[in-house]
All heavy atoms as atom14 arrays in JSON, in Angstrom:
{
  "sequence": "IFYVVFWLYAPAIVAEKKGISEAFARSRELTKGKRWQIFAILLIIFIG",
  "atom14_mask": [
    [1, 1, 1, 1, 1, 1, 1, 1, 0, 0, 0, 0, 0, 0],
    [1, 1, 1, 1, 1, 1, 1, 1, 1, 1, 1, 0, 0, 0],
    [1, 1, 1, 1, 1, 1, 1, 1, 1, 1, 1, 1, 0, 0],
    [1, 1, 1, 1, 1, 1, 1, 0, 0, 0, 0, 0, 0, 0],
    [1, 1, 1, 1, 1, 1, 1, 0, 0, 0, 0, 0, 0, 0],
    [1, 1, 1, 1, 1, 1, 1, 1, 1, 1, 1, 0, 0, 0],
    [1, 1, 1, 1, 1, 1, 1, 1, 1, 1, 1, 1, 1, 1],
    [1, 1, 1, 1, 1, 1, 1, 1, 0, 0, 0, 0, 0, 0],
    [1, 1, 1, 1, 1, 1, 1, 1, 1, 1, 1, 1, 0, 0],
    [1, 1, 1, 1, 1, 0, 0, 0, 0, 0, 0, 0, 0, 0],
    [1, 1, 1, 1, 1, 1, 1, 0, 0, 0, 0, 0, 0, 0],
    [1, 1, 1, 1, 1, 0, 0, 0, 0, 0, 0, 0, 0, 0],
    [1, 1, 1, 1, 1, 1, 1, 1, 0, 0, 0, 0, 0, 0],
    [1, 1, 1, 1, 1, 1, 1, 0, 0, 0, 0, 0, 0, 0],
    [1, 1, 1, 1, 1, 0, 0, 0, 0, 0, 0, 0, 0, 0],
    [1, 1, 1, 1, 1, 1, 1, 1, 1, 0, 0, 0, 0, 0],
    [1, 1, 1, 1, 1, 1, 1, 1, 1, 0, 0, 0, 0, 0],
    [1, 1, 1, 1, 1, 1, 1, 1, 1, 0, 0, 0, 0, 0],
    [1, 1, 1, 1, 0, 0, 0, 0, 0, 0, 0, 0, 0, 0],
    [1, 1, 1, 1, 1, 1, 1, 1, 0, 0, 0, 0, 0, 0],
    [1, 1, 1, 1, 1, 1, 0, 0, 0, 0, 0, 0, 0, 0],
    [1, 1, 1, 1, 1, 1, 1, 1, 1, 0, 0, 0, 0, 0],
    [1, 1, 1, 1, 1, 0, 0, 0, 0, 0, 0, 0, 0, 0],
    [1, 1, 1, 1, 1, 1, 1, 1, 1, 1, 1, 0, 0, 0],
    [1, 1, 1, 1, 1, 0, 0, 0, 0, 0, 0, 0, 0, 0],
    [1, 1, 1, 1, 1, 1, 1, 1, 1, 1, 1, 0, 0, 0],
    [1, 1, 1, 1, 1, 1, 0, 0, 0, 0, 0, 0, 0, 0],
    [1, 1, 1, 1, 1, 1, 1, 1, 1, 1, 1, 0, 0, 0],
    [1, 1, 1, 1, 1, 1, 1, 1, 1, 0, 0, 0, 0, 0],
    [1, 1, 1, 1, 1, 1, 1, 1, 0, 0, 0, 0, 0, 0],
    [1, 1, 1, 1, 1, 1, 1, 0, 0, 0, 0, 0, 0, 0],
    [1, 1, 1, 1, 1, 1, 1, 1, 1, 0, 0, 0, 0, 0],
    [1, 1, 1, 1, 0, 0, 0, 0, 0, 0, 0, 0, 0, 0],
    [1, 1, 1, 1, 1, 1, 1, 1, 1, 0, 0, 0, 0, 0],
    [1, 1, 1, 1, 1, 1, 1, 1, 1, 1, 1, 0, 0, 0],
    [1, 1, 1, 1, 1, 1, 1, 1, 1, 1, 1, 1, 1, 1],
    [1, 1, 1, 1, 1, 1, 1, 1, 1, 0, 0, 0, 0, 0],
    [1, 1, 1, 1, 1, 1, 1, 1, 0, 0, 0, 0, 0, 0],
    [1, 1, 1, 1, 1, 1, 1, 1, 1, 1, 1, 0, 0, 0],
    [1, 1, 1, 1, 1, 0, 0, 0, 0, 0, 0, 0, 0, 0],
    [1, 1, 1, 1, 1, 1, 1, 1, 0, 0, 0, 0, 0, 0],
    [1, 1, 1, 1, 1, 1, 1, 1, 0, 0, 0, 0, 0, 0],
    [1, 1, 1, 1, 1, 1, 1, 1, 0, 0, 0, 0, 0, 0],
    [1, 1, 1, 1, 1, 1, 1, 1, 0, 0, 0, 0, 0, 0],
    [1, 1, 1, 1, 1, 1, 1, 1, 0, 0, 0, 0, 0, 0],
    [1, 1, 1, 1, 1, 1, 1, 1, 1, 1, 1, 0, 0, 0],
    [1, 1, 1, 1, 1, 1, 1, 1, 0, 0, 0, 0, 0, 0],
    [1, 1, 1, 1, 0, 0, 0, 0, 0, 0, 0, 0, 0, 0]
  ],
  "atom14_positions": [
    [[-54.74, -46.13, -6.51], [-56.06, -45.49, -6.44], [-56.87, -45.82, -7.68], [-58.05, -46.18, -7.6], [-55.91, -43.97, -6.27], [-55.31, -43.65, -4.9], [-57.27, -43.27, -6.43], [-54.98, -42.19, -4.69], [0.0, 0.0, 0.0], [0.0, 0.0, 0.0], [0.0, 0.0, 0.0], [0.0, 0.0, 0.0], [0.0, 0.0, 0.0], [0.0, 0.0, 0.0]],
    [[-56.25, -45.68, -8.86], [-56.94, -46.02, -10.11], [-57.44, -47.46, -10.08], [-58.57, -47.76, -10.47], [-56.01, -45.82, -11.32], [-55.82, -44.39, -11.72], [-54.55, -43.92, -12.07], [-56.89, -43.52, -11.78], [-54.37, -42.6, -12.45], [-56.72, -42.2, -12.18], [-55.46, -41.74, -12.51], [0.0, 0.0, 0.0], [0.0, 0.0, 0.0], [0.0, 0.0, 0.0]],
    [[-56.58, -48.37, -9.62], [-56.92, -49.79, -9.62], [-58.11, -50.06, -8.7], [-59.03, -50.81, -9.06], [-55.72, -50.6, -9.17], [-55.85, -52.09, -9.45], [-55.76, -52.58, -10.74], [-56.05, -52.99, -8.41], [-55.88, -53.93, -11.01], [-56.17, -54.34, -8.66], [-56.08, -54.8, -9.96], [-56.21, -56.14, -10.21], [0.0, 0.0, 0.0], [0.0, 0.0, 0.0]],
    [[-58.11, -49.46, -7.52], [-59.19, -49.67, -6.55], [-60.5, -49.06, -7.05], [-61.56, -49.7, -7.01], [-58.81, -49.07, -5.18], [-60.01, -49.06, -4.24], [-57.66, -49.87, -4.55], [0.0, 0.0, 0.0], [0.0, 0.0, 0.0], [0.0, 0.0, 0.0], [0.0, 0.0, 0.0], [0.0, 0.0, 0.0], [0.0, 0.0, 0.0], [0.0, 0.0, 0.0]],
    [[-60.44, -47.82, -7.53], [-61.65, -47.1, -7.95], [-62.33, -47.81, -9.12], [-63.56, -47.92, -9.16], [-61.3, -45.65, -8.34], [-62.5, -44.96, -9.0], [-60.87, -44.87, -7.1], [0.0, 0.0, 0.0], [0.0, 0.0, 0.0], [0.0, 0.0, 0.0], [0.0, 0.0, 0.0], [0.0, 0.0, 0.0], [0.0, 0.0, 0.0], [0.0, 0.0, 0.0]],
    [[-61.54, -48.32, -10.06], [-62.1, -48.9, -11.28], [-62.07, -50.42, -11.3], [-62.24, -51.03, -12.35], [-61.36, -48.34, -12.5], [-61.47, -46.84, -12.63], [-60.33, -46.06, -12.72], [-62.71, -46.22, -12.66], [-60.42, -44.67, -12.83], [-62.81, -44.84, -12.78], [-61.67, -44.06, -12.87], [0.0, 0.0, 0.0], [0.0, 0.0, 0.0], [0.0, 0.0, 0.0]],
    [[-61.91, -51.04, -10.15], [-61.76, -52.48, -10.06], [-62.99, -53.24, -10.58], [-62.89, -54.35, -11.07], [-61.47, -52.89, -8.62], [-61.01, -54.3, -8.46], [-60.09, -54.96, -9.22], [-61.44, -55.25, -7.48], [-59.91, -56.25, -8.76], [-60.72, -56.44, -7.7], [-62.34, -55.18, -6.42], [-60.89, -57.58, -6.89], [-62.5, -56.3, -5.62], [-61.8, -57.48, -5.86]],
    [[-64.16, -52.62, -10.51], [-65.41, -53.31, -10.84], [-65.91, -53.01, -12.25], [-67.09, -53.21, -12.54], [-66.49, -52.95, -9.81], [-66.16, -53.26, -8.35], [-67.34, -52.9, -7.46], [-65.79, -54.74, -8.17], [0.0, 0.0, 0.0], [0.0, 0.0, 0.0], [0.0, 0.0, 0.0], [0.0, 0.0, 0.0], [0.0, 0.0, 0.0], [0.0, 0.0, 0.0]],
    [[-65.02, -52.56, -13.13], [-65.47, -52.26, -14.49], [-65.96, -53.51, -15.21], [-66.93, -53.47, -15.98], [-64.34, -51.6, -15.3], [-63.25, -52.55, -15.74], [-63.35, -53.24, -16.94], [-62.13, -52.79, -14.94], [-62.37, -54.13, -17.34], [-61.14, -53.67, -15.33], [-61.26, -54.34, -16.53], [-60.3, -55.22, -16.91], [0.0, 0.0, 0.0], [0.0, 0.0, 0.0]],
    [[-65.29, -54.66, -14.99], [-65.64, -55.88, -15.73], [-67.04, -56.38, -15.42], [-67.82, -56.67, -16.34], [-64.6, -56.97, -15.49], [0.0, 0.0, 0.0], [0.0, 0.0, 0.0], [0.0, 0.0, 0.0], [0.0, 0.0, 0.0], [0.0, 0.0, 0.0], [0.0, 0.0, 0.0], [0.0, 0.0, 0.0], [0.0, 0.0, 0.0], [0.0, 0.0, 0.0]],
    [[-67.45, -56.52, -14.14], [-68.82, -56.96, -13.89], [-69.87, -55.97, -14.38], [-70.98, -56.36, -14.74], [-68.88, -57.15, -12.37], [-67.71, -56.43, -11.83], [-66.67, -56.47, -12.89], [0.0, 0.0, 0.0], [0.0, 0.0, 0.0], [0.0, 0.0, 0.0], [0.0, 0.0, 0.0], [0.0, 0.0, 0.0], [0.0, 0.0, 0.0], [0.0, 0.0, 0.0]],
    [[-69.52, -54.68, -14.41], [-70.46, -53.7, -14.95], [-70.7, -53.95, -16.44], [-71.82, -53.77, -16.94], [-69.93, -52.28, -14.73], [0.0, 0.0, 0.0], [0.0, 0.0, 0.0], [0.0, 0.0, 0.0], [0.0, 0.0, 0.0], [0.0, 0.0, 0.0], [0.0, 0.0, 0.0], [0.0, 0.0, 0.0], [0.0, 0.0, 0.0], [0.0, 0.0, 0.0]],
    [[-69.65, -54.39, -17.14], [-69.79, -54.71, -18.56], [-70.52, -56.05, -18.73], [-71.44, -56.18, -19.53], [-68.42, -54.77, -19.24], [-67.77, -53.38, -19.27], [-68.54, -55.3, -20.68], [-66.34, -53.36, -19.78], [0.0, 0.0, 0.0], [0.0, 0.0, 0.0], [0.0, 0.0, 0.0], [0.0, 0.0, 0.0], [0.0, 0.0, 0.0], [0.0, 0.0, 0.0]],
    [[-70.11, -57.04, -17.95], [-70.66, -58.39, -18.1], [-72.13, -58.44, -17.69], [-72.97, -59.0, -18.42], [-69.85, -59.4, -17.25], [-70.52, -60.77, -17.27], [-68.42, -59.5, -17.77], [0.0, 0.0, 0.0], [0.0, 0.0, 0.0], [0.0, 0.0, 0.0], [0.0, 0.0, 0.0], [0.0, 0.0, 0.0], [0.0, 0.0, 0.0], [0.0, 0.0, 0.0]],
    [[-72.46, -57.85, -16.54], [-73.82, -57.97, -16.01], [-74.76, -56.89, -16.52], [-75.94, -57.16, -16.78], [-73.78, -57.92, -14.48], [0.0, 0.0, 0.0], [0.0, 0.0, 0.0], [0.0, 0.0, 0.0], [0.0, 0.0, 0.0], [0.0, 0.0, 0.0], [0.0, 0.0, 0.0], [0.0, 0.0, 0.0], [0.0, 0.0, 0.0], [0.0, 0.0, 0.0]],
    [[-74.25, -55.66, -16.67], [-75.13, -54.54, -17.01], [-74.98, -54.08, -18.45], [-75.66, -53.13, -18.86], [-74.87, -53.37, -16.06], [-75.1, -53.7, -14.59], [-74.87, -52.51, -13.69], [-75.46, -51.44, -13.94], [-74.05, -52.63, -12.75], [0.0, 0.0, 0.0], [0.0, 0.0, 0.0], [0.0, 0.0, 0.0], [0.0, 0.0, 0.0], [0.0, 0.0, 0.0]],
    [[-74.08, -54.74, -19.2], [-73.85, -54.39, -20.61], [-73.45, -52.92, -20.78], [-73.82, -52.26, -21.75], [-75.1, -54.69, -21.45], [-75.6, -56.11, -21.33], [-74.57, -57.12, -21.84], [-75.14, -58.53, -21.9], [-75.5, -59.09, -20.59], [0.0, 0.0, 0.0], [0.0, 0.0, 0.0], [0.0, 0.0, 0.0], [0.0, 0.0, 0.0], [0.0, 0.0, 0.0]],
    [[-72.69, -52.39, -19.82], [-72.25, -51.01, -19.9], [-71.16, -50.85, -20.97], [-70.41, -51.78, -21.26], [-71.67, -50.57, -18.55], [-72.66, -50.59, -17.39], [-73.66, -49.46, -17.49], [-74.51, -49.36, -16.23], [-75.53, -48.3, -16.34], [0.0, 0.0, 0.0], [0.0, 0.0, 0.0], [0.0, 0.0, 0.0], [0.0, 0.0, 0.0], [0.0, 0.0, 0.0]],
    [[-71.1, -49.65, -21.55], [-69.99, -49.3, -22.4], [-68.76, -49.05, -21.55], [-68.83, -49.07, -20.32], [0.0, 0.0, 0.0], [0.0, 0.0, 0.0], [0.0, 0.0, 0.0], [0.0, 0.0, 0.0], [0.0, 0.0, 0.0], [0.0, 0.0, 0.0], [0.0, 0.0, 0.0], [0.0, 0.0, 0.0], [0.0, 0.0, 0.0], [0.0, 0.0, 0.0]],
    [[-67.65, -48.78, -22.2], [-66.39, -48.67, -21.47], [-66.41, -47.5, -20.49], [-66.12, -47.67, -19.29], [-65.22, -48.52, -22.46], [-65.11, -49.8, -23.31], [-63.91, -48.27, -21.72], [-64.21, -49.67, -24.49], [0.0, 0.0, 0.0], [0.0, 0.0, 0.0], [0.0, 0.0, 0.0], [0.0, 0.0, 0.0], [0.0, 0.0, 0.0], [0.0, 0.0, 0.0]],
    [[-66.73, -46.31, -20.95], [-66.76, -45.15, -20.05], [-67.84, -45.32, -18.98], [-67.64, -44.95, -17.81], [-66.98, -43.86, -20.84], [-68.22, -43.9, -21.52], [0.0, 0.0, 0.0], [0.0, 0.0, 0.0], [0.0, 0.0, 0.0], [0.0, 0.0, 0.0], [0.0, 0.0, 0.0], [0.0, 0.0, 0.0], [0.0, 0.0, 0.0], [0.0, 0.0, 0.0]],
    [[-68.97, -45.9, -19.37], [-70.04, -46.13, -18.4], [-69.62, -47.15, -17.35], [-69.99, -47.03, -16.17], [-71.29, -46.65, -19.12], [-71.97, -45.64, -20.03], [-73.14, -46.25, -20.77], [-73.02, -47.4, -21.25], [-74.18, -45.59, -20.87], [0.0, 0.0, 0.0], [0.0, 0.0, 0.0], [0.0, 0.0, 0.0], [0.0, 0.0, 0.0], [0.0, 0.0, 0.0]],
    [[-68.84, -48.16, -17.76], [-68.39, -49.17, -16.82], [-67.44, -48.57, -15.78], [-67.52, -48.89, -14.59], [-67.69, -50.31, -17.57], [0.0, 0.0, 0.0], [0.0, 0.0, 0.0], [0.0, 0.0, 0.0], [0.0, 0.0, 0.0], [0.0, 0.0, 0.0], [0.0, 0.0, 0.0], [0.0, 0.0, 0.0], [0.0, 0.0, 0.0], [0.0, 0.0, 0.0]],
    [[-66.54, -47.69, -16.22], [-65.65, -47.02, -15.28], [-66.44, -46.13, -14.32], [-66.16, -46.08, -13.12], [-64.6, -46.2, -16.02], [-63.5, -47.04, -16.62], [-63.12, -46.87, -17.94], [-62.82, -47.98, -15.86], [-62.11, -47.64, -18.5], [-61.82, -48.75, -16.4], [-61.46, -48.58, -17.73], [0.0, 0.0, 0.0], [0.0, 0.0, 0.0], [0.0, 0.0, 0.0]],
    [[-67.44, -45.42, -14.86], [-68.27, -44.56, -14.01], [-69.06, -45.4, -13.01], [-69.22, -45.02, -11.84], [-69.22, -43.74, -14.88], [0.0, 0.0, 0.0], [0.0, 0.0, 0.0], [0.0, 0.0, 0.0], [0.0, 0.0, 0.0], [0.0, 0.0, 0.0], [0.0, 0.0, 0.0], [0.0, 0.0, 0.0], [0.0, 0.0, 0.0], [0.0, 0.0, 0.0]],
    [[-69.55, -46.54, -13.46], [-70.3, -47.43, -12.58], [-69.42, -47.97, -11.46], [-69.84, -48.04, -10.3], [-70.87, -48.59, -13.4], [-71.71, -49.58, -12.61], [-72.96, -48.93, -12.08], [-73.92, -49.94, -11.67], [-74.72, -49.82, -10.63], [-74.67, -48.72, -9.88], [-75.58, -50.77, -10.33], [0.0, 0.0, 0.0], [0.0, 0.0, 0.0], [0.0, 0.0, 0.0]],
    [[-68.19, -48.35, -11.81], [-67.25, -48.83, -10.8], [-66.94, -47.74, -9.78], [-66.9, -47.99, -8.57], [-65.96, -49.31, -11.46], [-65.04, -49.78, -10.5], [0.0, 0.0, 0.0], [0.0, 0.0, 0.0], [0.0, 0.0, 0.0], [0.0, 0.0, 0.0], [0.0, 0.0, 0.0], [0.0, 0.0, 0.0], [0.0, 0.0, 0.0], [0.0, 0.0, 0.0]],
    [[-66.73, -46.54, -10.27], [-66.45, -45.42, -9.38], [-67.62, -45.19, -8.42], [-67.43, -44.93, -7.22], [-66.18, -44.15, -10.2], [-65.76, -42.96, -9.33], [-65.36, -41.76, -10.17], [-66.47, -41.28, -10.98], [-66.52, -41.32, -12.31], [-65.51, -41.85, -12.99], [-67.55, -40.86, -12.98], [0.0, 0.0, 0.0], [0.0, 0.0, 0.0], [0.0, 0.0, 0.0]],
    [[-68.83, -45.33, -8.94], [-70.04, -45.14, -8.12], [-70.15, -46.22, -7.05], [-70.42, -45.93, -5.88], [-71.27, -45.17, -9.03], [-72.59, -45.17, -8.3], [-73.77, -45.45, -9.22], [-73.55, -45.6, -10.45], [-74.9, -45.54, -8.73], [0.0, 0.0, 0.0], [0.0, 0.0, 0.0], [0.0, 0.0, 0.0], [0.0, 0.0, 0.0], [0.0, 0.0, 0.0]],
    [[-69.94, -47.49, -7.45], [-70.11, -48.59, -6.51], [-69.02, -48.63, -5.45], [-69.27, -49.01, -4.3], [-70.14, -49.92, -7.27], [-71.4, -50.21, -8.08], [-71.22, -51.46, -8.93], [-72.62, -50.35, -7.18], [0.0, 0.0, 0.0], [0.0, 0.0, 0.0], [0.0, 0.0, 0.0], [0.0, 0.0, 0.0], [0.0, 0.0, 0.0], [0.0, 0.0, 0.0]],
    [[-67.8, -48.26, -5.82], [-66.69, -48.34, -4.86], [-66.64, -47.14, -3.92], [-65.95, -47.2, -2.9], [-65.34, -48.44, -5.6], [-65.16, -47.29, -6.45], [-65.28, -49.7, -6.45], [0.0, 0.0, 0.0], [0.0, 0.0, 0.0], [0.0, 0.0, 0.0], [0.0, 0.0, 0.0], [0.0, 0.0, 0.0], [0.0, 0.0, 0.0], [0.0, 0.0, 0.0]],
    [[-67.37, -46.09, -4.24], [-67.33, -44.89, -3.4], [-67.73, -45.22, -1.97], [-68.75, -45.84, -1.72], [-68.26, -43.82, -3.98], [-68.18, -42.48, -3.24], [-69.07, -41.45, -3.91], [-68.96, -40.1, -3.2], [-69.82, -39.07, -3.85], [0.0, 0.0, 0.0], [0.0, 0.0, 0.0], [0.0, 0.0, 0.0], [0.0, 0.0, 0.0], [0.0, 0.0, 0.0]],
    [[-66.93, -44.78, -1.03], [-67.2, -45.02, 0.38], [-66.74, -46.38, 0.88], [-66.8, -46.66, 2.08], [0.0, 0.0, 0.0], [0.0, 0.0, 0.0], [0.0, 0.0, 0.0], [0.0, 0.0, 0.0], [0.0, 0.0, 0.0], [0.0, 0.0, 0.0], [0.0, 0.0, 0.0], [0.0, 0.0, 0.0], [0.0, 0.0, 0.0], [0.0, 0.0, 0.0]],
    [[-66.28, -47.25, -0.04], [-65.86, -48.6, 0.34], [-64.44, -48.9, -0.14], [-64.03, -50.07, -0.16], [-66.81, -49.65, -0.26], [-68.27, -49.47, 0.14], [-68.5, -49.76, 1.62], [-69.97, -49.69, 1.96], [-70.23, -50.0, 3.38], [0.0, 0.0, 0.0], [0.0, 0.0, 0.0], [0.0, 0.0, 0.0], [0.0, 0.0, 0.0], [0.0, 0.0, 0.0]],
    [[-63.71, -47.88, -0.52], [-62.43, -48.11, -1.2], [-61.33, -48.62, -0.27], [-60.47, -49.38, -0.7], [-62.01, -46.84, -1.94], [-62.9, -46.59, -3.15], [-62.75, -45.22, -3.75], [-63.78, -45.02, -4.77], [-64.13, -43.84, -5.26], [-63.51, -42.73, -4.82], [-65.07, -43.75, -6.18], [0.0, 0.0, 0.0], [0.0, 0.0, 0.0], [0.0, 0.0, 0.0]],
    [[-61.37, -48.24, 0.99], [-60.38, -48.77, 1.91], [-60.59, -50.27, 2.12], [-59.63, -51.04, 2.21], [-60.41, -48.04, 3.25], [-59.68, -46.74, 3.23], [-60.21, -45.48, 3.32], [-58.26, -46.55, 3.12], [-59.21, -44.53, 3.26], [-58.01, -45.15, 3.14], [-57.19, -47.43, 2.98], [-56.73, -44.63, 3.04], [-55.9, -46.9, 2.89], [-55.68, -45.51, 2.92]],
    [[-61.86, -50.68, 2.17], [-62.15, -52.11, 2.3], [-61.71, -52.88, 1.06], [-61.16, -53.97, 1.15], [-63.64, -52.34, 2.55], [-64.14, -51.82, 3.89], [-64.74, -50.43, 3.79], [-64.19, -49.56, 3.11], [-65.86, -50.21, 4.46], [0.0, 0.0, 0.0], [0.0, 0.0, 0.0], [0.0, 0.0, 0.0], [0.0, 0.0, 0.0], [0.0, 0.0, 0.0]],
    [[-61.96, -52.29, -0.12], [-61.52, -52.93, -1.36], [-60.0, -53.0, -1.41], [-59.43, -54.01, -1.83], [-62.08, -52.17, -2.58], [-63.6, -52.31, -2.63], [-61.45, -52.67, -3.88], [-64.27, -51.48, -3.7], [0.0, 0.0, 0.0], [0.0, 0.0, 0.0], [0.0, 0.0, 0.0], [0.0, 0.0, 0.0], [0.0, 0.0, 0.0], [0.0, 0.0, 0.0]],
    [[-59.35, -51.94, -0.99], [-57.89, -51.95, -0.92], [-57.41, -53.08, -0.01], [-56.43, -53.78, -0.34], [-57.37, -50.61, -0.4], [-55.88, -50.58, -0.16], [-55.0, -50.52, -1.22], [-55.38, -50.63, 1.13], [-53.61, -50.51, -1.0], [-54.01, -50.62, 1.35], [-53.13, -50.56, 0.29], [0.0, 0.0, 0.0], [0.0, 0.0, 0.0], [0.0, 0.0, 0.0]],
    [[-58.09, -53.29, 1.11], [-57.72, -54.37, 2.03], [-57.87, -55.74, 1.37], [-57.02, -56.61, 1.53], [-58.58, -54.29, 3.3], [0.0, 0.0, 0.0], [0.0, 0.0, 0.0], [0.0, 0.0, 0.0], [0.0, 0.0, 0.0], [0.0, 0.0, 0.0], [0.0, 0.0, 0.0], [0.0, 0.0, 0.0], [0.0, 0.0, 0.0], [0.0, 0.0, 0.0]],
    [[-58.96, -55.92, 0.62], [-59.17, -57.18, -0.1], [-58.02, -57.43, -1.08], [-57.44, -58.52, -1.12], [-60.52, -57.15, -0.85], [-61.68, -57.15, 0.14], [-60.64, -58.34, -1.81], [-63.03, -56.86, -0.5], [0.0, 0.0, 0.0], [0.0, 0.0, 0.0], [0.0, 0.0, 0.0], [0.0, 0.0, 0.0], [0.0, 0.0, 0.0], [0.0, 0.0, 0.0]],
    [[-57.71, -56.41, -1.87], [-56.64, -56.55, -2.86], [-55.29, -56.78, -2.19], [-54.48, -57.6, -2.66], [-56.59, -55.3, -3.74], [-57.79, -55.1, -4.66], [-57.77, -53.71, -5.28], [-57.79, -56.16, -5.76], [0.0, 0.0, 0.0], [0.0, 0.0, 0.0], [0.0, 0.0, 0.0], [0.0, 0.0, 0.0], [0.0, 0.0, 0.0], [0.0, 0.0, 0.0]],
    [[-55.05, -56.07, -1.1], [-53.77, -56.21, -0.4], [-53.6, -57.63, 0.13], [-52.52, -58.23, 0.0], [-53.69, -55.21, 0.75], [-52.37, -55.18, 1.53], [-51.23, -54.77, 0.62], [-52.48, -54.22, 2.72], [0.0, 0.0, 0.0], [0.0, 0.0, 0.0], [0.0, 0.0, 0.0], [0.0, 0.0, 0.0], [0.0, 0.0, 0.0], [0.0, 0.0, 0.0]],
    [[-54.65, -58.19, 0.71], [-54.59, -59.55, 1.24], [-54.3, -60.55, 0.11], [-53.47, -61.44, 0.25], [-55.91, -59.91, 1.95], [-56.03, -59.09, 3.25], [-55.98, -61.41, 2.26], [-57.39, -59.18, 3.91], [0.0, 0.0, 0.0], [0.0, 0.0, 0.0], [0.0, 0.0, 0.0], [0.0, 0.0, 0.0], [0.0, 0.0, 0.0], [0.0, 0.0, 0.0]],
    [[-54.98, -60.38, -1.02], [-54.77, -61.29, -2.15], [-53.36, -61.17, -2.7], [-52.68, -62.18, -2.96], [-55.8, -61.03, -3.26], [-57.22, -61.37, -2.76], [-55.48, -61.86, -4.5], [-58.32, -61.01, -3.74], [0.0, 0.0, 0.0], [0.0, 0.0, 0.0], [0.0, 0.0, 0.0], [0.0, 0.0, 0.0], [0.0, 0.0, 0.0], [0.0, 0.0, 0.0]],
    [[-52.87, -59.94, -2.86], [-51.53, -59.75, -3.42], [-50.44, -60.2, -2.46], [-49.39, -60.69, -2.89], [-51.33, -58.29, -3.83], [-51.95, -57.95, -5.15], [-52.96, -57.0, -5.24], [-51.55, -58.58, -6.31], [-53.55, -56.69, -6.46], [-52.13, -58.29, -7.54], [-53.13, -57.34, -7.61], [0.0, 0.0, 0.0], [0.0, 0.0, 0.0], [0.0, 0.0, 0.0]],
    [[-50.67, -60.04, -1.15], [-49.7, -60.55, -0.18], [-49.63, -62.07, -0.27], [-48.55, -62.67, -0.24], [-50.07, -60.09, 1.25], [-49.78, -58.6, 1.43], [-49.28, -60.9, 2.29], [-50.22, -58.04, 2.76], [0.0, 0.0, 0.0], [0.0, 0.0, 0.0], [0.0, 0.0, 0.0], [0.0, 0.0, 0.0], [0.0, 0.0, 0.0], [0.0, 0.0, 0.0]],
    [[-50.81, -62.7, -0.39], [-50.83, -64.15, -0.55], [-50.11, -64.58, -1.81], [-49.35, -65.56, -1.8], [0.0, 0.0, 0.0], [0.0, 0.0, 0.0], [0.0, 0.0, 0.0], [0.0, 0.0, 0.0], [0.0, 0.0, 0.0], [0.0, 0.0, 0.0], [0.0, 0.0, 0.0], [0.0, 0.0, 0.0], [0.0, 0.0, 0.0], [0.0, 0.0, 0.0]]
  ]
}
């Protein structure tokens, strides 16, 4: 759950120049409502 919710912290830092806590909050905001789909993406990659 932690991995899926906060998966997008890096682009929030790279693109939006967010601080660390802000980047985690941004990732949580963007992934909300789409976490099962993100989990599916990660699962497919890790299975591969």
